[in-house]
C-alpha atoms as a PDB file:
ATOM      1  CA  MET A   1     186.197 245.633 106.457  1.00  0.00           C
ATOM      2  CA  ALA A   2     185.791 244.023 102.879  1.00  0.00           C
ATOM      3  CA  ILE A   3     186.668 240.480 101.629  1.00  0.00           C
ATOM      4  CA  LEU A   4     188.104 239.482  98.036  1.00  0.00           C
ATOM      5  CA  LYS A   5     187.437 235.813  97.470  1.00  0.00           C
ATOM      6  CA  ASN A   6     189.174 233.261  95.680  1.00  0.00           C
ATOM      7  CA  CYS A   7     192.677 235.582  94.951  1.00  0.00           C
ATOM      8  CA  THR A   8     195.867 233.625  93.690  1.00  0.00           C
ATOM      9  CA  VAL A   9     198.249 234.745  95.876  1.00  0.00           C
ATOM     10  CA  PHE A  10     202.132 235.479  95.409  1.00  0.00           C
ATOM     11  CA  TRP A  11     204.983 236.773  97.364  1.00  0.00           C
ATOM     12  CA  ALA A  12     203.307 236.440 100.722  1.00  0.00           C
ATOM     13  CA  LYS A  13     205.437 238.515 103.182  1.00  0.00           C
ATOM     14  CA  LEU A  14     203.637 238.038 106.240  1.00  0.00           C
ATOM     15  CA  ASP A  15     206.281 236.599 108.934  1.00  0.00           C
ATOM     16  CA  PRO A  16     205.157 238.805 112.396  1.00  0.00           C
ATOM     17  CA  LYS A  17     208.440 238.825 113.408  1.00  0.00           C
ATOM     18  CA  ASN A  18     210.136 239.745 110.332  1.00  0.00           C
ATOM     19  CA  PRO A  19     208.128 242.241 107.817  1.00  0.00           C
ATOM     20  CA  ASP A  20     209.451 243.238 104.866  1.00  0.00           C
ATOM     21  CA  VAL A  21     211.231 246.785 104.215  1.00  0.00           C
ATOM     22  CA  PHE A  22     210.605 248.234 101.047  1.00  0.00           C
ATOM     23  CA  THR A  23     213.370 249.994  99.190  1.00  0.00           C
ATOM     24  CA  ASP A  24     212.761 252.650  96.531  1.00  0.00           C
ATOM     25  CA  PRO A  25     214.428 251.230  93.381  1.00  0.00           C
ATOM     26  CA  LYS A  26     214.873 254.775  92.084  1.00  0.00           C
ATOM     27  CA  THR A  27     215.878 256.687  95.338  1.00  0.00           C
ATOM     28  CA  GLN A  28     217.243 253.762  97.341  1.00  0.00           C
ATOM     29  CA  VAL A  29     215.229 255.186 100.357  1.00  0.00           C
ATOM     30  CA  LYS A  30     213.764 252.655 102.573  1.00  0.00           C
ATOM     31  CA  GLY A  31     210.269 252.826 103.753  1.00  0.00           C
ATOM     32  CA  ARG A  32     208.873 251.482 106.871  1.00  0.00           C
ATOM     33  CA  PRO A  33     208.587 247.868 107.631  1.00  0.00           C
ATOM     34  CA  ARG A  34     205.161 246.336 106.140  1.00  0.00           C
ATOM     35  CA  TRP A  35     203.525 242.948 105.783  1.00  0.00           C
ATOM     36  CA  SER A  36     202.408 242.532 102.200  1.00  0.00           C
ATOM     37  CA  VAL A  37     200.978 239.927  99.509  1.00  0.00           C
ATOM     38  CA  GLN A  38     200.421 240.093  95.776  1.00  0.00           C
ATOM     39  CA  ILE A  39     196.954 238.999  94.326  1.00  0.00           C
ATOM     40  CA  ARG A  40     196.768 237.886  90.793  1.00  0.00           C
ATOM     41  CA  THR A  41     193.998 236.959  88.339  1.00  0.00           C
ATOM     42  CA  HIS A  42     193.357 236.236  84.682  1.00  0.00           C
ATOM     43  CA  ASN A  43     189.530 236.757  85.185  1.00  0.00           C
ATOM     44  CA  GLN A  44     188.515 240.100  83.838  1.00  0.00           C
ATOM     45  CA  GLU A  45     185.351 240.176  85.993  1.00  0.00           C
ATOM     46  CA  GLN A  46     187.498 239.723  89.314  1.00  0.00           C
ATOM     47  CA  MET A  47     189.814 242.398  87.881  1.00  0.00           C
ATOM     48  CA  LEU A  48     186.837 244.748  87.496  1.00  0.00           C
ATOM     49  CA  GLU A  49     185.414 243.745  90.880  1.00  0.00           C
ATOM     50  CA  TRP A  50     189.114 244.831  92.261  1.00  0.00           C
ATOM     51  CA  GLU A  51     188.928 248.020  90.570  1.00  0.00           C
ATOM     52  CA  ALA A  52     185.335 248.639  91.966  1.00  0.00           C
ATOM     53  CA  ALA A  53     186.836 247.872  95.458  1.00  0.00           C
ATOM     54  CA  LYS A  54     189.508 251.226  94.667  1.00  0.00           C
ATOM     55  CA  LEU A  55     192.423 248.644  94.802  1.00  0.00           C
ATOM     56  CA  ASN A  56     195.224 249.880  92.514  1.00  0.00           C
ATOM     57  CA  VAL A  57     195.417 247.005  89.908  1.00  0.00           C
ATOM     58  CA  LYS A  58     197.952 246.981  87.218  1.00  0.00           C
ATOM     59  CA  ARG A  59     198.353 244.333  84.487  1.00  0.00           C
ATOM     60  CA  PHE A  60     201.264 242.553  83.556  1.00  0.00           C
ATOM     61  CA  ASN A  61     202.729 244.235  80.214  1.00  0.00           C
ATOM     62  CA  ILE A  62     205.522 243.325  77.728  1.00  0.00           C
ATOM     63  CA  LYS A  63     208.765 245.336  79.025  1.00  0.00           C
ATOM     64  CA  GLU A  64     210.513 245.714  75.773  1.00  0.00           C
ATOM     65  CA  GLY A  65     210.846 245.095  72.038  1.00  0.00           C
ATOM     66  CA  ALA A  66     208.367 246.242  69.207  1.00  0.00           C
ATOM     67  CA  ASN A  67     205.393 245.333  71.458  1.00  0.00           C
ATOM     68  CA  LYS A  68     206.501 246.890  74.586  1.00  0.00           C
ATOM     69  CA  GLY A  69     203.610 247.904  76.554  1.00  0.00           C
ATOM     70  CA  ASP A  70     201.119 245.483  75.384  1.00  0.00           C
ATOM     71  CA  ALA A  71     199.437 242.804  77.512  1.00  0.00           C
ATOM     72  CA  ALA A  72     202.013 239.965  78.561  1.00  0.00           C
ATOM     73  CA  ILE A  73     200.243 236.784  77.310  1.00  0.00           C
ATOM     74  CA  ASP A  74     201.327 233.590  79.455  1.00  0.00           C
ATOM     75  CA  GLU A  75     201.515 229.787  78.018  1.00  0.00           C
ATOM     76  CA  ASN A  76     197.918 229.335  78.167  1.00  0.00           C
ATOM     77  CA  GLY A  77     196.746 232.676  76.407  1.00  0.00           C
ATOM     78  CA  ASN A  78     195.811 234.575  79.740  1.00  0.00           C
ATOM     79  CA  LYS A  79     196.109 237.972  80.467  1.00  0.00           C
ATOM     80  CA  THR A  80     197.310 238.564  84.377  1.00  0.00           C
ATOM     81  CA  TRP A  81     196.325 241.483  86.416  1.00  0.00           C
ATOM     82  CA  TYR A  82     197.712 241.893  89.955  1.00  0.00           C
ATOM     83  CA  SER A  83     197.697 244.211  92.952  1.00  0.00           C
ATOM     84  CA  THR A  84     199.663 244.182  95.914  1.00  0.00           C
ATOM     85  CA  LEU A  85     198.010 244.648  99.474  1.00  0.00           C
ATOM     86  CA  SER A  86     199.993 245.938 102.564  1.00  0.00           C
ATOM     87  CA  LYS A  87     200.058 247.071 106.267  1.00  0.00           C
ATOM     88  CA  ASN A  88     202.617 249.011 108.180  1.00  0.00           C
ATOM     89  CA  ALA A  89     204.339 246.709 111.018  1.00  0.00           C
ATOM     90  CA  THR A  90     204.647 249.910 112.921  1.00  0.00           C
ATOM     91  CA  LYS A  91     202.278 252.592 114.127  1.00  0.00           C
ATOM     92  CA  GLY A  92     203.250 256.413 114.519  1.00  0.00           C
ATOM     93  CA  ASP A  93     205.342 258.748 112.565  1.00  0.00           C
ATOM     94  CA  PRO A  94     208.667 260.030 114.259  1.00  0.00           C
ATOM     95  CA  LYS A  95     208.859 262.484 111.914  1.00  0.00           C
ATOM     96  CA  LYS A  96     205.513 263.848 113.328  1.00  0.00           C
ATOM     97  CA  GLY A  97     206.693 263.447 116.943  1.00  0.00           C
ATOM     98  CA  GLU A  98     204.500 260.514 117.205  1.00  0.00           C
ATOM     99  CA  THR A  99     205.396 257.501 119.397  1.00  0.00           C
ATOM    100  CA  VAL A 100     206.607 254.310 117.276  1.00  0.00           C
ATOM    101  CA  THR A 101     204.738 251.018 118.361  1.00  0.00           C
ATOM    102  CA  GLN A 102     204.126 247.636 116.786  1.00  0.00           C
ATOM    103  CA  ALA A 103     201.227 246.944 114.797  1.00  0.00           C
ATOM    104  CA  LYS A 104     199.171 243.801 115.118  1.00  0.00           C
ATOM    105  CA  PRO A 105     200.568 241.338 112.227  1.00  0.00           C
ATOM    106  CA  VAL A 106     198.212 240.142 109.679  1.00  0.00           C
ATOM    107  CA  ALA A 107     196.185 237.167 110.542  1.00  0.00           C
ATOM    108  CA  VAL A 108     196.335 234.050 108.957  1.00  0.00           C
ATOM    109  CA  ILE A 109     193.872 231.150 108.935  1.00  0.00           C
ATOM    110  CA  ASP A 110     193.167 228.011 106.930  1.00  0.00           C
ATOM    111  CA  GLY A 111     189.720 226.969 105.874  1.00  0.00           C
ATOM    112  CA  HIS A 112     188.631 225.550 109.226  1.00  0.00           C
ATOM    113  CA  ILE A 113     189.488 228.898 110.774  1.00  0.00           C
ATOM    114  CA  GLN A 114     192.632 227.760 112.667  1.00  0.00           C
ATOM    115  CA  PRO A 115     195.857 229.856 112.604  1.00  0.00           C
ATOM    116  CA  LEU A 116     198.182 229.014 109.742  1.00  0.00           C
ATOM    117  CA  ASP A 117     201.892 229.631 109.511  1.00  0.00           C
ATOM    118  CA  PRO A 118     202.259 232.096 106.771  1.00  0.00           C
ATOM    119  CA  MET A 119     205.857 231.057 106.101  1.00  0.00           C
ATOM    120  CA  LEU A 120     204.028 227.898 104.448  1.00  0.00           C
ATOM    121  CA  ILE A 121     202.066 230.013 101.887  1.00  0.00           C
ATOM    122  CA  GLY A 122     203.762 229.419  98.451  1.00  0.00           C
ATOM    123  CA  ASN A 123     203.223 231.162  95.334  1.00  0.00           C
ATOM    124  CA  GLY A 124     200.018 229.974  93.533  1.00  0.00           C
ATOM    125  CA  SER A 125     198.220 229.290  96.752  1.00  0.00           C
ATOM    126  CA  VAL A 126     194.488 230.755  96.705  1.00  0.00           C
ATOM    127  CA  ALA A 127     193.032 232.887  99.765  1.00  0.00           C
ATOM    128  CA  ASN A 128     190.431 235.010 101.070  1.00  0.00           C
ATOM    129  CA  VAL A 129     191.587 238.146 101.764  1.00  0.00           C
ATOM    130  CA  SER A 130     190.241 241.001 103.931  1.00  0.00           C
ATOM    131  CA  PHE A 131     191.390 244.692 104.013  1.00  0.00           C
ATOM    132  CA  SER A 132     190.140 247.933 105.265  1.00  0.00           C
ATOM    133  CA  GLN A 133     190.500 251.302 103.583  1.00  0.00           C
ATOM    134  CA  LEU A 134     190.722 255.112 104.561  1.00  0.00           C
ATOM    135  CA  ASP A 135     190.125 258.224 102.376  1.00  0.00           C
ATOM    136  CA  SER A 136     193.039 260.703 102.536  1.00  0.00           C
ATOM    137  CA  ALA A 137     192.493 264.280 103.337  1.00  0.00           C
ATOM    138  CA  PRO A 138     191.981 266.257  99.944  1.00  0.00           C
ATOM    139  CA  ASP A 139     194.917 267.566  98.302  1.00  0.00           C
ATOM    140  CA  PRO A 140     195.387 271.141  99.231  1.00  0.00           C
ATOM    141  CA  LYS A 141     196.012 272.044  95.130  1.00  0.00           C
ATOM    142  CA  THR A 142     193.851 269.991  93.425  1.00  0.00           C
ATOM    143  CA  GLY A 143     191.075 268.801  96.067  1.00  0.00           C
ATOM    144  CA  ALA A 144     191.736 265.102  94.879  1.00  0.00           C
ATOM    145  CA  ILE A 145     191.220 262.385  97.569  1.00  0.00           C
ATOM    146  CA  SER A 146     192.831 258.989  97.347  1.00  0.00           C
ATOM    147  CA  THR A 147     191.959 255.692  99.253  1.00  0.00           C
ATOM    148  CA  ASN A 148     194.342 254.021 101.289  1.00  0.00           C
ATOM    149  CA  THR A 149     193.957 250.103 101.626  1.00  0.00           C
ATOM    150  CA  TYR A 150     195.394 248.184 104.381  1.00  0.00           C
ATOM    151  CA  LEU A 151     195.683 244.268 104.408  1.00  0.00           C
ATOM    152  CA  MET A 152     194.081 242.885 107.768  1.00  0.00           C
ATOM    153  CA  SER A 153     193.921 239.116 107.311  1.00  0.00           C
ATOM    154  CA  MET A 154     193.770 235.986 104.904  1.00  0.00           C
ATOM    155  CA  GLN A 155     191.981 232.675 104.820  1.00  0.00           C
ATOM    156  CA  VAL A 156     193.785 230.311 102.838  1.00  0.00           C
ATOM    157  CA  THR A 157     191.435 228.052 100.798  1.00  0.00           C
ATOM    158  CA  LYS A 158     194.298 226.079  98.495  1.00  0.00           C
ATOM    159  CA  LEU A 159     197.646 225.892 100.081  1.00  0.00           C
ATOM    160  CA  ILE A 160     200.735 225.365  97.651  1.00  0.00           C
ATOM    161  CA  LYS A 161     203.529 224.861 100.593  1.00  0.00           C
ATOM    162  CA  TYR A 162     206.552 226.764 100.235  1.00  0.00           C
ATOM    163  CA  VAL A 163     209.650 224.762 100.320  1.00  0.00           C
ATOM    164  CA  PRO A 164     212.925 226.755 100.828  1.00  0.00           C
ATOM    165  CA  GLN A 165     215.136 225.843  98.056  1.00  0.00           C
ATOM    166  CA  GLU A 166     218.512 224.628  99.271  1.00  0.00           C
ATOM    167  CA  GLY A 167     221.953 224.187  97.273  1.00  0.00           C
ATOM    168  CA  ASN A 168     222.147 221.068  95.061  1.00  0.00           C
ATOM    169  CA  THR A 169     225.604 219.814  94.527  1.00  0.00           C
ATOM    170  CA  ASP A 170     224.286 217.200  92.384  1.00  0.00           C
ATOM    171  CA  VAL A 171     224.392 219.324  89.256  1.00  0.00           C
ATOM    172  CA  PHE A 172     228.214 219.441  89.348  1.00  0.00           C
ATOM    173  CA  GLU A 173     230.552 216.597  88.254  1.00  0.00           C
ATOM    174  CA  GLU A 174     234.189 216.023  89.414  1.00  0.00           C
ATOM    175  CA  VAL A 175     236.860 218.258  88.209  1.00  0.00           C
ATOM    176  CA  GLU A 176     240.741 218.953  88.625  1.00  0.00           C
ATOM    177  CA  MET A 177     241.105 221.745  91.046  1.00  0.00           C
ATOM    178  CA  GLU A 178     244.426 223.973  91.083  1.00  0.00           C
ATOM    179  CA  VAL A 179     245.544 225.313  94.276  1.00  0.00           C
ATOM    180  CA  VAL A 180     247.929 228.294  94.263  1.00  0.00           C
ATOM    181  CA  GLU A 181     249.753 228.646  97.326  1.00  0.00           C
ATOM    182  CA  PRO A 182     250.615 232.618  98.572  1.00  0.00           C
ATOM    183  CA  GLU A 183     254.597 233.291  97.740  1.00  0.00           C
ATOM    184  CA  ASN A 184     255.078 234.102 101.717  1.00  0.00           C
ATOM    185  CA  ALA A 185     253.116 231.309 103.229  1.00  0.00           C
ATOM    186  CA  HIS A 186     255.152 231.021 106.556  1.00  0.00           C
ATOM    187  CA  THR A 187     254.730 233.214 109.548  1.00  0.00           C
ATOM    188  CA  GLU A 188     257.760 234.632 111.234  1.00  0.00           C
ATOM    189  CA  ALA A 189     257.320 234.550 114.852  1.00  0.00           C
ATOM    190  CA  VAL A 190     258.074 237.882 116.552  1.00  0.00           C
ATOM    191  CA  ASP A 191     260.385 238.177 119.782  1.00  0.00           C
ATOM    192  CA  THR A 192     258.858 240.074 122.526  1.00  0.00           C
ATOM    193  CA  THR A 193     260.852 239.005 125.107  1.00  0.00           C
ATOM    194  CA  SER A 194     263.555 241.774 124.944  1.00  0.00           C
ATOM    195  CA  LYS A 195     263.014 244.522 127.186  1.00  0.00           C
ATOM    196  CA  THR A 196     264.163 248.111 127.341  1.00  0.00           C
ATOM    197  CA  THR A 197     265.043 250.176 130.661  1.00  0.00           C
ATOM    198  CA  GLY A 198     261.083 249.775 131.222  1.00  0.00           C
ATOM    199  CA  ASN A 199     258.961 246.887 131.003  1.00  0.00           C
ATOM    200  CA  SER A 200     257.553 247.327 127.648  1.00  0.00           C
ATOM    201  CA  PRO A 201     258.480 244.877 124.773  1.00  0.00           C
ATOM    202  CA  LYS A 202     260.988 246.196 122.167  1.00  0.00           C
ATOM    203  CA  PHE A 203     260.264 246.752 118.865  1.00  0.00           C
ATOM    204  CA  GLY A 204     262.216 247.674 115.880  1.00  0.00           C
ATOM    205  CA  ASP A 205     261.048 250.370 113.383  1.00  0.00           C
ATOM    206  CA  ASP A 206     260.328 248.187 110.831  1.00  0.00           C
ATOM    207  CA  ALA A 207     257.766 246.059 113.108  1.00  0.00           C
ATOM    208  CA  PHE A 208     254.880 248.564 112.311  1.00  0.00           C
END
């Protein structure tokens, strides 16, 4: 396994009991459940280190306007590169007749090598990230070989605690509220005591 140190992490979806399910935005096809984390850097040397490790590194670019495709610059004048590492939450491919079993979750520890609740990891936390890689079989047409990267574990060295945002009603002020009653708000009782020659209740034709 290899380790990438001092990675700023975002969108840590590492809950062992609730892996993320990626949905392709174009086809709307759901993929396999997985655990994932996005790592970011403003440092070009660190970005080159990631590329040398065969990670799929991308840059945040301007999405629209005259400068579409140019590097997006943040308020501090920095460019930002990122890569997403993930691990499938299941093993086995049912399409190939393989038995599907649960995979071992991504291990998360703190600086003291103690287990850390991954639900506490907020955006901007810093971590050392370990991963493994496996080369694919050569493409039958081109002979090209791709490298698959699998997230294995994380050691959080700077924790920015994630705090769920609850609805805040303090942003509202008291106003008049209009209430509209339905035209036929009352409910008419249905007499089910009448009987025919049998024991079934008698219903008129307009009862349905």
